[in-house]
Every structure is written in C-alpha cells, then in structure tokens.
Amino acid sequence: MSSHAGFIIAAYGVSFIALAGLIGWVFIDQRLQNRALRELESRGVRRRSEGKGAQP
C-alpha cells in the first residue's frame, strides 16, 4: 500500500460516519415531526392548505 493509505482510509471512514449520522438524524426528525403533526391534528388544528383550491 502507498504511504497515504492510512489517510485515505481515515478520510473515507470519517465521511461514512458523517453521512450515516446525517441520514439517521433525518429519519429521527421525520418521526418526531410526524408525531407532532398527529398530535396537532388530534387537538383540532388543521393544515392551512387542507381543503383549499388553487391559490391565485
């Protein structure tokens, strides 16, 4: 292997961990937002765009 193999492997490892963390964060946040939306809808709060036609 070349003398830079350690640096290259470390760079790929850090990039993989960062991307996996971001993807995980997106999925967790999606679940939290869906839960909050269901809670609001159960309290009677409705979406502004629900039931409206095309906006001018």
C-alpha atoms as a PDB file:
ATOM      1  CA  MET A   1       0.000   0.000   0.000  1.00  0.00           C
ATOM      2  CA  SER A   2       1.063   3.554  -0.531  1.00  0.00           C
ATOM      3  CA  SER A   3       2.202   5.807   2.260  1.00  0.00           C
ATOM      4  CA  HIS A   4      -1.082   7.705   2.101  1.00  0.00           C
ATOM      5  CA  ALA A   5      -3.344   4.681   2.586  1.00  0.00           C
ATOM      6  CA  GLY A   6      -3.937   5.451   6.264  1.00  0.00           C
ATOM      7  CA  PHE A   7      -5.047   8.986   5.489  1.00  0.00           C
ATOM      8  CA  ILE A   8      -7.322   7.830   2.667  1.00  0.00           C
ATOM      9  CA  ILE A   9      -8.949   5.107   4.780  1.00  0.00           C
ATOM     10  CA  ALA A  10      -9.445   7.553   7.657  1.00  0.00           C
ATOM     11  CA  ALA A  11     -10.993  10.146   5.321  1.00  0.00           C
ATOM     12  CA  TYR A  12     -13.435   7.581   3.932  1.00  0.00           C
ATOM     13  CA  GLY A  13     -14.254   6.414   7.459  1.00  0.00           C
ATOM     14  CA  VAL A  14     -14.973   9.921   8.717  1.00  0.00           C
ATOM     15  CA  SER A  15     -17.082  10.669   5.633  1.00  0.00           C
ATOM     16  CA  PHE A  16     -19.074   7.460   6.096  1.00  0.00           C
ATOM     17  CA  ILE A  17     -19.725   8.205   9.774  1.00  0.00           C
ATOM     18  CA  ALA A  18     -20.786  11.787   8.985  1.00  0.00           C
ATOM     19  CA  LEU A  19     -23.173  10.694   6.221  1.00  0.00           C
ATOM     20  CA  ALA A  20     -24.637   7.906   8.355  1.00  0.00           C
ATOM     21  CA  GLY A  21     -25.188  10.412  11.171  1.00  0.00           C
ATOM     22  CA  LEU A  22     -26.954  12.873   8.879  1.00  0.00           C
ATOM     23  CA  ILE A  23     -29.181  10.173   7.390  1.00  0.00           C
ATOM     24  CA  GLY A  24     -30.040   8.906  10.865  1.00  0.00           C
ATOM     25  CA  TRP A  25     -30.834  12.432  12.019  1.00  0.00           C
ATOM     26  CA  VAL A  26     -33.196  12.953   9.068  1.00  0.00           C
ATOM     27  CA  PHE A  27     -35.114   9.745   9.839  1.00  0.00           C
ATOM     28  CA  ILE A  28     -35.361  10.536  13.560  1.00  0.00           C
ATOM     29  CA  ASP A  29     -36.514  14.094  12.839  1.00  0.00           C
ATOM     30  CA  GLN A  30     -39.102  12.799  10.369  1.00  0.00           C
ATOM     31  CA  ARG A  31     -40.590  10.567  13.056  1.00  0.00           C
ATOM     32  CA  LEU A  32     -40.664  13.444  15.551  1.00  0.00           C
ATOM     33  CA  GLN A  33     -42.314  15.816  13.068  1.00  0.00           C
ATOM     34  CA  ASN A  34     -44.943  13.224  12.116  1.00  0.00           C
ATOM     35  CA  ARG A  35     -45.700  12.637  15.800  1.00  0.00           C
ATOM     36  CA  ALA A  36     -46.065  16.385  16.404  1.00  0.00           C
ATOM     37  CA  LEU A  37     -48.332  16.715  13.358  1.00  0.00           C
ATOM     38  CA  ARG A  38     -50.574  13.868  14.538  1.00  0.00           C
ATOM     39  CA  GLU A  39     -50.780  15.495  17.979  1.00  0.00           C
ATOM     40  CA  LEU A  40     -51.798  18.847  16.488  1.00  0.00           C
ATOM     41  CA  GLU A  41     -54.389  17.213  14.248  1.00  0.00           C
ATOM     42  CA  SER A  42     -55.846  15.306  17.202  1.00  0.00           C
ATOM     43  CA  ARG A  43     -56.277  18.631  19.039  1.00  0.00           C
ATOM     44  CA  GLY A  44     -58.249  20.024  16.121  1.00  0.00           C
ATOM     45  CA  VAL A  45     -55.552  22.121  14.482  1.00  0.00           C
ATOM     46  CA  ARG A  46     -55.764  21.659  10.725  1.00  0.00           C
ATOM     47  CA  ARG A  47     -53.339  22.377   7.921  1.00  0.00           C
ATOM     48  CA  ARG A  48     -53.813  25.673   6.118  1.00  0.00           C
ATOM     49  CA  SER A  49     -53.561  24.024   2.732  1.00  0.00           C
ATOM     50  CA  GLU A  50     -56.154  21.345   3.542  1.00  0.00           C
ATOM     51  CA  GLY A  51     -59.381  21.662   1.588  1.00  0.00           C
ATOM     52  CA  LYS A  52     -58.418  24.745  -0.407  1.00  0.00           C
ATOM     53  CA  GLY A  53     -58.348  25.012  -4.166  1.00  0.00           C
ATOM     54  CA  ALA A  54     -55.639  26.508  -6.289  1.00  0.00           C
ATOM     55  CA  GLN A  55     -54.142  29.671  -4.881  1.00  0.00           C
ATOM     56  CA  PRO A  56     -54.137  32.743  -7.173  1.00  0.00           C
END
